[in-house]
């Protein structure tokens, strides 16, 4: 009996530690990796891609006019929107090597590997269209689009021995703000802005 009690106690303790580890790296609302979880996962993936000379990329997506959902509809509705977007991202990035996180607030950061420029751009385009097709009604009076949209930045790298993932993060963050400055609902990659063609059929590509 003493042995059984000891084994049960030890097993329960291990289970509790594992649960705490998961909680420490997972966003409760969306069940995606949080910033801490992302940094841990990317550190491992980055080192692997360096050794194997694989291209890597970040896609950063930011929900356009998200604050209006909280301000006009309330935080519960805002939370519903975040969960829907998180679920949508998971359906678009299903590879075992894809790392998806809620990086903060309404920002999502996705790490992909073994890709080229055309592939990562196509991934971003599919995500943009899939989110728009959720048909979540836009509520901000300044939003010129009928449904919720996202702005995205893309950065890609062939990491060398002394390269750091934070440097690629800085690039994708800059690209995202470039997309925001170009009117939202678009993708910024290598200084080029690609608009969501489902919403705007003309001027789809605009130079920086």
N, C-alpha and C. Protein backbone atom coordinates (compact mmCIF):
# COMPACT_ATOMS: atom_id res chain seq x y z
N UNK A 1 0.83 -1.20 0.00
CA UNK A 1 0.00 0.00 0.00
C UNK A 1 0.87 1.26 0.00
N UNK A 2 1.92 1.25 0.82
CA UNK A 2 2.82 2.40 0.88
C UNK A 2 3.46 2.63 -0.49
N UNK A 3 3.86 1.54 -1.13
CA UNK A 3 4.49 1.63 -2.45
C UNK A 3 3.51 2.20 -3.48
N UNK A 4 2.25 1.70 -3.42
CA UNK A 4 1.25 2.19 -4.36
C UNK A 4 0.99 3.67 -4.15
N UNK A 5 0.89 4.07 -2.87
CA UNK A 5 0.66 5.48 -2.56
C UNK A 5 1.81 6.36 -3.05
N UNK A 6 3.02 5.85 -2.89
CA UNK A 6 4.20 6.60 -3.32
C UNK A 6 4.19 6.77 -4.84
N UNK A 7 3.91 5.67 -5.56
CA UNK A 7 3.88 5.71 -7.03
C UNK A 7 2.81 6.67 -7.51
N UNK A 8 1.62 6.62 -6.88
CA UNK A 8 0.53 7.52 -7.27
C UNK A 8 0.92 8.97 -7.03
N UNK A 9 1.55 9.22 -5.87
CA UNK A 9 1.95 10.58 -5.54
C UNK A 9 2.98 11.10 -6.54
N UNK A 10 3.95 10.24 -6.88
CA UNK A 10 4.98 10.63 -7.83
C UNK A 10 4.39 10.87 -9.21
N UNK A 11 3.48 10.00 -9.62
CA UNK A 11 2.83 10.15 -10.93
C UNK A 11 2.02 11.43 -10.99
N UNK A 12 1.28 11.71 -9.92
CA UNK A 12 0.49 12.94 -9.87
C UNK A 12 1.37 14.17 -9.96
N UNK A 13 2.53 14.11 -9.30
CA UNK A 13 3.43 15.25 -9.31
C UNK A 13 4.00 15.50 -10.71
N UNK A 14 4.37 14.40 -11.39
CA UNK A 14 4.88 14.52 -12.75
C UNK A 14 3.81 15.11 -13.67
N UNK A 15 2.57 14.63 -13.51
CA UNK A 15 1.46 15.14 -14.33
C UNK A 15 1.24 16.62 -14.08
N UNK A 16 1.31 17.03 -12.84
CA UNK A 16 1.11 18.44 -12.49
C UNK A 16 2.22 19.30 -13.10
N UNK A 17 3.46 18.82 -13.05
CA UNK A 17 4.58 19.56 -13.62
C UNK A 17 4.41 19.72 -15.13
N UNK A 18 3.96 18.64 -15.79
CA UNK A 18 3.74 18.71 -17.24
C UNK A 18 2.63 19.70 -17.57
N UNK A 19 1.57 19.70 -16.77
CA UNK A 19 0.47 20.65 -16.99
C UNK A 19 0.94 22.08 -16.82
N UNK A 20 1.77 22.32 -15.82
CA UNK A 20 2.30 23.66 -15.58
C UNK A 20 3.20 24.11 -16.73
N UNK A 21 3.96 23.16 -17.28
CA UNK A 21 4.82 23.49 -18.43
C UNK A 21 3.98 23.91 -19.63
N UNK A 22 2.89 23.17 -19.86
CA UNK A 22 1.99 23.48 -20.98
C UNK A 22 1.36 24.85 -20.77
N UNK A 23 0.88 25.10 -19.54
CA UNK A 23 0.25 26.38 -19.25
C UNK A 23 1.23 27.54 -19.44
N UNK A 24 2.50 27.31 -19.14
CA UNK A 24 3.50 28.36 -19.23
C UNK A 24 3.84 28.72 -20.67
N UNK A 25 3.52 27.83 -21.61
CA UNK A 25 3.89 28.07 -23.00
C UNK A 25 2.67 28.21 -23.92
N UNK A 26 1.46 28.16 -23.37
CA UNK A 26 0.25 28.16 -24.18
C UNK A 26 -0.66 29.32 -23.80
N UNK A 27 -1.22 29.98 -24.81
CA UNK A 27 -2.21 31.03 -24.57
C UNK A 27 -3.54 30.38 -24.22
N UNK A 28 -4.10 30.75 -23.09
CA UNK A 28 -5.31 30.11 -22.60
C UNK A 28 -6.49 30.29 -23.55
N UNK A 29 -6.61 31.48 -24.11
CA UNK A 29 -7.79 31.79 -24.93
C UNK A 29 -7.77 31.06 -26.27
N UNK A 30 -6.65 31.11 -26.97
CA UNK A 30 -6.59 30.56 -28.32
C UNK A 30 -6.01 29.15 -28.38
N UNK A 31 -5.36 28.74 -27.30
CA UNK A 31 -4.67 27.44 -27.25
C UNK A 31 -3.52 27.35 -28.25
N UNK A 32 -3.03 28.50 -28.68
CA UNK A 32 -1.81 28.54 -29.47
C UNK A 32 -0.63 28.77 -28.53
N UNK A 33 0.57 28.62 -29.05
CA UNK A 33 1.74 28.96 -28.25
C UNK A 33 1.71 30.45 -27.89
N UNK A 34 2.12 30.77 -26.67
CA UNK A 34 2.30 32.17 -26.32
C UNK A 34 3.72 32.58 -26.69
N UNK A 35 4.11 33.79 -26.33
CA UNK A 35 5.44 34.28 -26.73
C UNK A 35 6.55 33.40 -26.15
N UNK A 36 6.38 32.97 -24.92
CA UNK A 36 7.37 32.11 -24.29
C UNK A 36 7.49 30.79 -25.03
N UNK A 37 6.34 30.19 -25.36
CA UNK A 37 6.34 28.93 -26.08
C UNK A 37 6.93 29.07 -27.47
N UNK A 38 6.61 30.18 -28.13
CA UNK A 38 7.15 30.43 -29.46
C UNK A 38 8.67 30.52 -29.43
N UNK A 39 9.20 31.28 -28.50
CA UNK A 39 10.65 31.47 -28.43
C UNK A 39 11.36 30.15 -28.19
N UNK A 40 10.79 29.29 -27.36
CA UNK A 40 11.40 27.99 -27.10
C UNK A 40 11.38 27.12 -28.35
N UNK A 41 10.23 27.09 -29.02
CA UNK A 41 10.08 26.24 -30.21
C UNK A 41 10.95 26.74 -31.36
N UNK A 42 10.97 28.06 -31.58
CA UNK A 42 11.74 28.62 -32.68
C UNK A 42 13.24 28.43 -32.45
N UNK A 43 13.68 28.52 -31.21
CA UNK A 43 15.10 28.32 -30.91
C UNK A 43 15.57 26.95 -31.40
N UNK A 44 14.75 25.94 -31.15
CA UNK A 44 15.09 24.58 -31.57
C UNK A 44 15.04 24.46 -33.10
N UNK A 45 13.95 24.98 -33.69
CA UNK A 45 13.77 24.89 -35.14
C UNK A 45 14.85 25.68 -35.87
N UNK A 46 15.21 26.84 -35.36
CA UNK A 46 16.22 27.70 -35.99
C UNK A 46 17.56 26.97 -36.06
N UNK A 47 17.96 26.35 -34.96
CA UNK A 47 19.23 25.62 -34.92
C UNK A 47 19.21 24.45 -35.91
N UNK A 48 18.08 23.76 -35.98
CA UNK A 48 17.95 22.64 -36.91
C UNK A 48 18.08 23.11 -38.35
N UNK A 49 17.42 24.22 -38.68
CA UNK A 49 17.45 24.74 -40.05
C UNK A 49 18.84 25.25 -40.42
N UNK A 50 19.55 25.80 -39.45
CA UNK A 50 20.93 26.21 -39.70
C UNK A 50 21.78 25.02 -40.11
N UNK A 51 21.68 23.95 -39.32
CA UNK A 51 22.50 22.76 -39.57
C UNK A 51 22.18 22.15 -40.93
N UNK A 52 20.92 22.19 -41.30
CA UNK A 52 20.49 21.51 -42.52
C UNK A 52 20.32 22.46 -43.71
N UNK A 53 20.77 23.71 -43.53
CA UNK A 53 20.76 24.71 -44.61
C UNK A 53 19.37 24.83 -45.25
N UNK A 54 18.38 25.05 -44.40
CA UNK A 54 17.00 25.18 -44.85
C UNK A 54 16.54 26.63 -44.73
N UNK A 55 15.80 27.09 -45.73
CA UNK A 55 15.21 28.42 -45.67
C UNK A 55 14.12 28.45 -44.58
N UNK A 56 14.02 29.57 -43.90
CA UNK A 56 13.00 29.75 -42.87
C UNK A 56 12.29 31.07 -43.11
N UNK A 57 11.10 31.19 -42.55
CA UNK A 57 10.36 32.44 -42.71
C UNK A 57 9.41 32.70 -41.57
N UNK A 58 9.11 33.98 -41.37
CA UNK A 58 8.09 34.42 -40.43
C UNK A 58 6.94 35.05 -41.21
N UNK A 59 5.72 34.75 -40.80
CA UNK A 59 4.54 35.47 -41.26
C UNK A 59 3.91 36.09 -40.02
N UNK A 60 3.78 37.40 -40.00
CA UNK A 60 3.12 38.07 -38.88
C UNK A 60 1.79 38.64 -39.37
N UNK A 61 0.72 38.23 -38.71
CA UNK A 61 -0.63 38.68 -39.09
C UNK A 61 -1.23 39.49 -37.95
N UNK A 62 -1.81 40.62 -38.31
CA UNK A 62 -2.43 41.50 -37.32
C UNK A 62 -3.87 41.79 -37.76
N UNK A 63 -4.83 41.58 -36.87
CA UNK A 63 -6.24 41.80 -37.19
C UNK A 63 -6.48 43.30 -37.35
N UNK A 64 -7.03 43.68 -38.49
CA UNK A 64 -7.30 45.10 -38.75
C UNK A 64 -8.46 45.60 -37.89
N UNK A 65 -8.27 46.76 -37.28
CA UNK A 65 -9.31 47.42 -36.47
C UNK A 65 -9.87 46.50 -35.38
N UNK A 66 -9.01 45.67 -34.79
CA UNK A 66 -9.53 44.71 -33.80
C UNK A 66 -10.10 45.42 -32.57
N UNK A 67 -9.52 46.52 -32.18
CA UNK A 67 -9.96 47.23 -30.97
C UNK A 67 -11.45 47.53 -31.01
N UNK A 68 -11.98 47.75 -32.21
CA UNK A 68 -13.40 48.10 -32.33
C UNK A 68 -14.31 46.97 -31.88
N UNK A 69 -13.85 45.72 -32.02
CA UNK A 69 -14.68 44.60 -31.58
C UNK A 69 -14.84 44.62 -30.07
N UNK A 70 -13.75 44.92 -29.37
CA UNK A 70 -13.83 45.03 -27.91
C UNK A 70 -14.63 46.26 -27.49
N UNK A 71 -14.40 47.39 -28.15
CA UNK A 71 -15.04 48.64 -27.75
C UNK A 71 -16.52 48.69 -28.07
N UNK A 72 -16.90 48.15 -29.23
CA UNK A 72 -18.29 48.24 -29.68
C UNK A 72 -19.12 47.03 -29.26
N UNK A 73 -18.55 45.85 -29.40
CA UNK A 73 -19.30 44.62 -29.12
C UNK A 73 -19.00 44.03 -27.74
N UNK A 74 -17.90 44.44 -27.14
CA UNK A 74 -17.54 43.91 -25.83
C UNK A 74 -16.41 42.89 -25.94
N UNK A 75 -15.72 42.68 -24.83
CA UNK A 75 -14.54 41.81 -24.81
C UNK A 75 -14.89 40.35 -25.07
N UNK A 76 -16.06 39.91 -24.70
CA UNK A 76 -16.44 38.52 -24.96
C UNK A 76 -16.51 38.27 -26.47
N UNK A 77 -17.08 39.23 -27.20
CA UNK A 77 -17.14 39.08 -28.65
C UNK A 77 -15.73 39.19 -29.25
N UNK A 78 -14.92 40.06 -28.68
CA UNK A 78 -13.54 40.16 -29.12
C UNK A 78 -12.79 38.85 -28.94
N UNK A 79 -13.03 38.20 -27.81
CA UNK A 79 -12.40 36.89 -27.56
C UNK A 79 -12.86 35.85 -28.57
N UNK A 80 -14.14 35.91 -28.94
CA UNK A 80 -14.65 34.97 -29.94
C UNK A 80 -13.94 35.16 -31.27
N UNK A 81 -13.70 36.41 -31.62
CA UNK A 81 -13.00 36.71 -32.87
C UNK A 81 -11.59 36.12 -32.83
N UNK A 82 -10.89 36.32 -31.73
CA UNK A 82 -9.53 35.79 -31.61
C UNK A 82 -9.51 34.27 -31.74
N UNK A 83 -10.48 33.61 -31.12
CA UNK A 83 -10.53 32.15 -31.21
C UNK A 83 -10.80 31.69 -32.64
N UNK A 84 -11.68 32.40 -33.34
CA UNK A 84 -11.98 32.04 -34.73
C UNK A 84 -10.75 32.21 -35.63
N UNK A 85 -10.02 33.29 -35.42
CA UNK A 85 -8.83 33.53 -36.23
C UNK A 85 -7.76 32.49 -35.92
N UNK A 86 -7.60 32.16 -34.64
CA UNK A 86 -6.63 31.15 -34.26
C UNK A 86 -6.96 29.80 -34.90
N UNK A 87 -8.22 29.44 -34.88
CA UNK A 87 -8.65 28.17 -35.49
C UNK A 87 -8.39 28.19 -36.98
N UNK A 88 -8.65 29.33 -37.60
CA UNK A 88 -8.45 29.48 -39.03
C UNK A 88 -6.96 29.31 -39.38
N UNK A 89 -6.10 29.92 -38.59
CA UNK A 89 -4.66 29.80 -38.84
C UNK A 89 -4.22 28.34 -38.74
N UNK A 90 -4.75 27.63 -37.75
CA UNK A 90 -4.38 26.23 -37.58
C UNK A 90 -4.81 25.38 -38.77
N UNK A 91 -5.92 25.74 -39.40
CA UNK A 91 -6.37 24.98 -40.58
C UNK A 91 -5.48 25.26 -41.79
N UNK A 92 -4.84 26.42 -41.81
CA UNK A 92 -3.99 26.78 -42.95
C UNK A 92 -2.54 26.32 -42.80
N UNK A 93 -2.12 26.10 -41.57
CA UNK A 93 -0.73 25.70 -41.32
C UNK A 93 -0.73 24.37 -40.56
N UNK A 94 -0.76 23.28 -41.30
CA UNK A 94 -0.94 21.95 -40.72
C UNK A 94 0.34 21.13 -40.69
N UNK A 95 1.41 21.63 -41.30
CA UNK A 95 2.64 20.84 -41.31
C UNK A 95 3.18 20.70 -39.89
N UNK A 96 3.79 19.58 -39.61
CA UNK A 96 4.32 19.35 -38.27
C UNK A 96 5.39 20.36 -37.90
N UNK A 97 6.05 20.92 -38.91
CA UNK A 97 7.13 21.87 -38.64
C UNK A 97 6.64 23.31 -38.52
N UNK A 98 5.37 23.57 -38.81
CA UNK A 98 4.83 24.92 -38.67
C UNK A 98 4.65 25.26 -37.20
N UNK A 99 5.10 26.43 -36.81
CA UNK A 99 5.00 26.88 -35.42
C UNK A 99 4.10 28.11 -35.38
N UNK A 100 2.97 28.00 -34.68
CA UNK A 100 1.96 29.06 -34.68
C UNK A 100 1.84 29.62 -33.27
N UNK A 101 1.77 30.94 -33.16
CA UNK A 101 1.64 31.54 -31.83
C UNK A 101 0.75 32.77 -31.88
N UNK A 102 0.14 33.05 -30.73
CA UNK A 102 -0.47 34.36 -30.53
C UNK A 102 0.60 35.20 -29.86
N UNK A 103 1.17 36.12 -30.63
CA UNK A 103 2.36 36.82 -30.16
C UNK A 103 2.01 37.93 -29.18
N UNK A 104 0.77 38.38 -29.23
CA UNK A 104 0.35 39.42 -28.30
C UNK A 104 -0.88 40.12 -28.83
N UNK A 105 -1.90 40.24 -27.99
CA UNK A 105 -3.11 40.94 -28.41
C UNK A 105 -3.72 40.32 -29.64
N UNK A 106 -3.80 41.10 -30.72
CA UNK A 106 -4.39 40.63 -31.96
C UNK A 106 -3.33 40.24 -33.00
N UNK A 107 -2.10 40.04 -32.56
CA UNK A 107 -1.01 39.66 -33.46
C UNK A 107 -0.71 38.17 -33.36
N UNK A 108 -0.52 37.56 -34.53
CA UNK A 108 -0.18 36.14 -34.61
C UNK A 108 1.12 36.02 -35.40
N UNK A 109 2.01 35.18 -34.92
CA UNK A 109 3.31 34.99 -35.57
C UNK A 109 3.46 33.51 -35.93
N UNK A 110 3.81 33.26 -37.19
CA UNK A 110 3.92 31.90 -37.70
C UNK A 110 5.34 31.69 -38.23
N UNK A 111 5.98 30.63 -37.79
CA UNK A 111 7.31 30.28 -38.25
C UNK A 111 7.19 29.07 -39.18
N UNK A 112 7.74 29.20 -40.38
CA UNK A 112 7.71 28.10 -41.35
C UNK A 112 9.12 27.83 -41.83
N UNK A 113 9.37 26.60 -42.21
CA UNK A 113 10.70 26.21 -42.66
C UNK A 113 10.62 25.39 -43.93
N UNK A 114 11.79 25.26 -44.58
CA UNK A 114 11.89 24.49 -45.82
C UNK A 114 10.93 25.04 -46.88
N UNK A 115 11.01 26.34 -47.09
CA UNK A 115 10.13 27.01 -48.05
C UNK A 115 10.95 27.99 -48.89
N UNK A 116 10.34 28.45 -50.00
CA UNK A 116 10.97 29.51 -50.78
C UNK A 116 10.03 30.71 -50.82
N UNK A 117 10.43 31.75 -51.55
CA UNK A 117 9.64 32.98 -51.59
C UNK A 117 8.22 32.74 -52.08
N UNK A 118 8.10 32.00 -53.17
CA UNK A 118 6.77 31.77 -53.76
C UNK A 118 5.87 30.99 -52.81
N UNK A 119 6.44 30.01 -52.13
CA UNK A 119 5.65 29.18 -51.22
C UNK A 119 5.14 29.97 -50.02
N UNK A 120 6.01 30.76 -49.42
CA UNK A 120 5.57 31.49 -48.22
C UNK A 120 4.57 32.57 -48.59
N UNK A 121 4.73 33.18 -49.75
CA UNK A 121 3.76 34.18 -50.20
C UNK A 121 2.41 33.53 -50.46
N UNK A 122 2.41 32.36 -51.06
CA UNK A 122 1.15 31.66 -51.31
C UNK A 122 0.48 31.27 -49.99
N UNK A 123 1.26 30.86 -49.00
CA UNK A 123 0.71 30.54 -47.68
C UNK A 123 -0.01 31.75 -47.10
N UNK A 124 0.64 32.90 -47.19
CA UNK A 124 0.05 34.13 -46.65
C UNK A 124 -1.22 34.51 -47.40
N UNK A 125 -1.21 34.37 -48.72
CA UNK A 125 -2.39 34.69 -49.53
C UNK A 125 -3.56 33.79 -49.14
N UNK A 126 -3.30 32.51 -48.98
CA UNK A 126 -4.37 31.57 -48.60
C UNK A 126 -4.93 31.94 -47.25
N UNK A 127 -4.06 32.28 -46.29
CA UNK A 127 -4.52 32.67 -44.96
C UNK A 127 -5.38 33.93 -45.04
N UNK A 128 -4.94 34.92 -45.80
CA UNK A 128 -5.69 36.17 -45.93
C UNK A 128 -7.09 35.91 -46.48
N UNK A 129 -7.18 35.12 -47.53
CA UNK A 129 -8.48 34.83 -48.15
C UNK A 129 -9.36 33.99 -47.23
N UNK A 130 -8.75 33.02 -46.55
CA UNK A 130 -9.52 32.15 -45.66
C UNK A 130 -10.12 32.93 -44.51
N UNK A 131 -9.35 33.87 -43.96
CA UNK A 131 -9.86 34.70 -42.87
C UNK A 131 -11.00 35.59 -43.38
N UNK A 132 -10.82 36.19 -44.54
CA UNK A 132 -11.89 37.04 -45.07
C UNK A 132 -13.16 36.24 -45.32
N UNK A 133 -12.99 34.99 -45.75
CA UNK A 133 -14.14 34.14 -46.04
C UNK A 133 -14.86 33.64 -44.79
N UNK A 134 -14.29 33.92 -43.61
CA UNK A 134 -15.04 33.66 -42.38
C UNK A 134 -16.26 34.57 -42.29
N UNK A 135 -16.19 35.69 -43.02
CA UNK A 135 -17.28 36.66 -43.09
C UNK A 135 -17.69 37.18 -41.70
N UNK A 136 -16.67 37.53 -40.93
CA UNK A 136 -16.90 38.19 -39.65
C UNK A 136 -17.13 39.67 -39.95
N UNK A 137 -18.30 40.16 -39.66
CA UNK A 137 -18.69 41.51 -40.07
C UNK A 137 -17.77 42.57 -39.46
N UNK A 138 -17.32 43.49 -40.29
CA UNK A 138 -16.51 44.62 -39.80
C UNK A 138 -17.41 45.58 -39.04
N UNK A 139 -16.90 46.12 -37.94
CA UNK A 139 -17.74 47.00 -37.10
C UNK A 139 -17.17 48.40 -36.97
N UNK A 140 -15.92 48.60 -37.34
CA UNK A 140 -15.32 49.93 -37.21
C UNK A 140 -15.77 50.82 -38.37
N UNK A 141 -16.21 52.02 -38.08
CA UNK A 141 -16.72 52.93 -39.11
C UNK A 141 -15.62 53.35 -40.09
N UNK A 142 -14.35 53.25 -39.66
CA UNK A 142 -13.24 53.62 -40.53
C UNK A 142 -12.79 52.48 -41.44
N UNK A 143 -13.38 51.30 -41.24
CA UNK A 143 -13.01 50.15 -42.05
C UNK A 143 -13.76 50.18 -43.37
N UNK A 144 -13.03 50.18 -44.46
CA UNK A 144 -13.66 50.26 -45.78
C UNK A 144 -14.06 48.89 -46.33
N UNK A 145 -13.78 47.82 -45.56
CA UNK A 145 -14.10 46.47 -46.02
C UNK A 145 -15.32 45.93 -45.27
N UNK A 146 -16.05 45.05 -45.93
CA UNK A 146 -17.29 44.54 -45.35
C UNK A 146 -17.02 43.57 -44.20
N UNK A 147 -15.97 42.76 -44.34
CA UNK A 147 -15.69 41.75 -43.33
C UNK A 147 -14.29 41.95 -42.74
N UNK A 148 -14.06 41.27 -41.64
CA UNK A 148 -12.77 41.34 -40.95
C UNK A 148 -11.64 40.94 -41.88
N UNK A 149 -10.56 41.71 -41.82
CA UNK A 149 -9.37 41.43 -42.62
C UNK A 149 -8.14 41.42 -41.71
N UNK A 150 -7.04 40.97 -42.27
CA UNK A 150 -5.76 41.02 -41.56
C UNK A 150 -4.72 41.66 -42.45
N UNK A 151 -3.77 42.32 -41.82
CA UNK A 151 -2.58 42.80 -42.51
C UNK A 151 -1.45 41.84 -42.15
N UNK A 152 -0.55 41.61 -43.11
CA UNK A 152 0.52 40.64 -42.87
C UNK A 152 1.87 41.14 -43.37
N UNK A 153 2.89 40.76 -42.64
CA UNK A 153 4.26 40.97 -43.07
C UNK A 153 4.93 39.62 -43.23
N UNK A 154 5.85 39.53 -44.18
CA UNK A 154 6.60 38.30 -44.42
C UNK A 154 8.09 38.63 -44.41
N UNK A 155 8.88 37.75 -43.81
CA UNK A 155 10.34 37.85 -43.89
C UNK A 155 10.89 36.45 -44.04
N UNK A 156 11.90 36.30 -44.87
CA UNK A 156 12.47 34.99 -45.14
C UNK A 156 13.98 35.06 -45.03
N UNK A 157 14.61 33.94 -44.66
CA UNK A 157 16.05 33.95 -44.44
C UNK A 157 16.65 32.58 -44.71
N UNK A 158 17.92 32.58 -45.05
CA UNK A 158 18.72 31.36 -45.12
C UNK A 158 19.74 31.47 -44.00
N UNK A 159 19.37 31.09 -42.77
CA UNK A 159 20.19 31.42 -41.60
C UNK A 159 21.60 30.84 -41.66
N UNK A 160 22.55 31.72 -41.39
CA UNK A 160 23.95 31.33 -41.34
C UNK A 160 24.38 31.17 -39.87
N UNK A 161 25.62 30.79 -39.68
CA UNK A 161 26.11 30.39 -38.36
C UNK A 161 25.84 31.42 -37.27
N UNK A 162 26.04 32.70 -37.58
CA UNK A 162 25.91 33.73 -36.53
C UNK A 162 24.59 34.49 -36.60
N UNK A 163 23.68 34.07 -37.46
CA UNK A 163 22.38 34.74 -37.57
C UNK A 163 21.48 34.38 -36.40
N UNK A 164 20.67 35.34 -35.97
CA UNK A 164 19.75 35.14 -34.86
C UNK A 164 18.31 35.28 -35.34
N UNK A 165 17.42 34.52 -34.73
CA UNK A 165 16.01 34.59 -35.11
C UNK A 165 15.42 35.96 -34.82
N UNK A 166 15.95 36.67 -33.82
CA UNK A 166 15.43 38.00 -33.48
C UNK A 166 15.62 38.97 -34.63
N UNK A 167 16.67 38.76 -35.43
CA UNK A 167 16.91 39.65 -36.57
C UNK A 167 15.81 39.46 -37.63
N UNK A 168 15.39 38.21 -37.83
CA UNK A 168 14.32 37.95 -38.78
C UNK A 168 12.99 38.48 -38.24
N UNK A 169 12.82 38.39 -36.92
CA UNK A 169 11.61 38.94 -36.30
C UNK A 169 11.52 40.45 -36.55
N UNK A 170 12.63 41.14 -36.42
CA UNK A 170 12.64 42.60 -36.66
C UNK A 170 12.23 42.91 -38.09
N UNK A 171 12.67 42.07 -39.03
CA UNK A 171 12.31 42.28 -40.43
C UNK A 171 10.81 42.09 -40.65
N UNK A 172 10.25 41.03 -40.06
CA UNK A 172 8.82 40.76 -40.29
C UNK A 172 7.96 41.80 -39.59
N UNK A 173 8.42 42.28 -38.45
CA UNK A 173 7.69 43.33 -37.74
C UNK A 173 7.65 44.61 -38.58
N UNK A 174 8.78 44.95 -39.19
CA UNK A 174 8.84 46.12 -40.07
C UNK A 174 7.93 45.94 -41.29
N UNK A 175 7.90 44.71 -41.83
CA UNK A 175 7.05 44.43 -42.99
C UNK A 175 5.58 44.57 -42.64
N UNK A 176 5.21 44.12 -41.44
CA UNK A 176 3.81 44.24 -41.01
C UNK A 176 3.39 45.71 -40.94
N UNK A 177 4.22 46.55 -40.36
CA UNK A 177 3.86 47.95 -40.25
C UNK A 177 3.84 48.64 -41.61
N UNK A 178 4.63 48.13 -42.52
CA UNK A 178 4.55 48.63 -43.90
C UNK A 178 3.18 48.29 -44.49
N UNK A 179 2.70 47.07 -44.24
CA UNK A 179 1.37 46.67 -44.73
C UNK A 179 0.28 47.52 -44.11
N UNK A 180 0.40 47.80 -42.82
CA UNK A 180 -0.58 48.64 -42.14
C UNK A 180 -0.62 50.04 -42.76
N UNK A 181 0.55 50.54 -43.09
CA UNK A 181 0.64 51.87 -43.66
C UNK A 181 0.12 51.97 -45.08
N UNK A 182 -0.01 50.83 -45.73
CA UNK A 182 -0.50 50.80 -47.11
C UNK A 182 -2.01 50.60 -47.19
N UNK A 183 -2.70 50.70 -46.07
CA UNK A 183 -4.16 50.64 -46.11
C UNK A 183 -4.78 49.39 -45.54
N UNK A 184 -3.98 48.51 -44.97
CA UNK A 184 -4.47 47.28 -44.36
C UNK A 184 -5.01 46.29 -45.41
N UNK A 185 -5.39 45.10 -44.92
CA UNK A 185 -5.89 44.02 -45.77
C UNK A 185 -4.92 43.73 -46.91
N UNK A 186 -3.62 43.66 -46.57
CA UNK A 186 -2.63 43.39 -47.59
C UNK A 186 -1.43 42.69 -46.97
N UNK A 187 -0.53 42.24 -47.84
CA UNK A 187 0.68 41.53 -47.43
C UNK A 187 1.88 42.33 -47.89
N UNK A 188 2.83 42.52 -47.00
CA UNK A 188 4.08 43.21 -47.35
C UNK A 188 5.22 42.21 -47.34
N UNK A 189 5.93 42.13 -48.48
CA UNK A 189 7.03 41.17 -48.61
C UNK A 189 8.08 41.76 -49.53
N UNK A 190 9.29 41.91 -49.02
CA UNK A 190 10.40 42.46 -49.81
C UNK A 190 10.08 43.83 -50.38
N UNK A 191 9.36 44.64 -49.60
CA UNK A 191 9.06 45.99 -50.02
C UNK A 191 7.90 46.11 -51.00
N UNK A 192 7.27 44.97 -51.33
CA UNK A 192 6.14 44.96 -52.24
C UNK A 192 4.86 44.73 -51.43
N UNK A 193 3.79 45.42 -51.80
CA UNK A 193 2.50 45.26 -51.14
C UNK A 193 1.56 44.48 -52.05
N UNK A 194 1.03 43.37 -51.55
CA UNK A 194 0.11 42.54 -52.30
C UNK A 194 -1.26 42.63 -51.64
N UNK A 195 -2.26 43.16 -52.34
CA UNK A 195 -3.59 43.31 -51.78
C UNK A 195 -4.39 42.02 -51.88
N UNK A 196 -5.41 41.90 -51.01
CA UNK A 196 -6.31 40.76 -51.05
C UNK A 196 -7.21 40.90 -52.28
N UNK A 197 -6.99 40.06 -53.27
CA UNK A 197 -7.72 40.20 -54.54
C UNK A 197 -9.19 39.88 -54.40
N UNK A 198 -9.59 39.19 -53.33
CA UNK A 198 -11.01 38.90 -53.13
C UNK A 198 -11.79 40.18 -52.82
N UNK A 199 -11.09 41.18 -52.30
CA UNK A 199 -11.75 42.40 -51.90
C UNK A 199 -11.47 43.54 -52.88
N UNK A 200 -10.26 43.58 -53.39
CA UNK A 200 -9.88 44.64 -54.32
C UNK A 200 -9.36 43.99 -55.59
N UNK A 201 -10.04 44.19 -56.70
CA UNK A 201 -9.69 43.53 -57.94
C UNK A 201 -8.70 44.32 -58.78
N UNK A 202 -8.45 45.58 -58.42
CA UNK A 202 -7.51 46.41 -59.19
C UNK A 202 -6.35 46.84 -58.31
N UNK A 203 -5.25 47.19 -58.97
CA UNK A 203 -4.03 47.62 -58.24
C UNK A 203 -3.62 46.59 -57.21
N UNK A 204 -3.56 45.33 -57.60
CA UNK A 204 -3.27 44.26 -56.66
C UNK A 204 -1.84 44.29 -56.12
N UNK A 205 -0.91 44.80 -56.94
CA UNK A 205 0.47 44.86 -56.48
C UNK A 205 0.97 46.29 -56.62
N UNK A 206 1.52 46.81 -55.52
CA UNK A 206 1.96 48.20 -55.50
C UNK A 206 3.39 48.24 -55.00
N UNK A 207 4.24 48.97 -55.72
CA UNK A 207 5.63 49.12 -55.27
C UNK A 207 5.67 49.93 -53.99
N UNK A 208 6.72 49.73 -53.23
CA UNK A 208 6.92 50.46 -51.97
C UNK A 208 6.92 51.96 -52.22
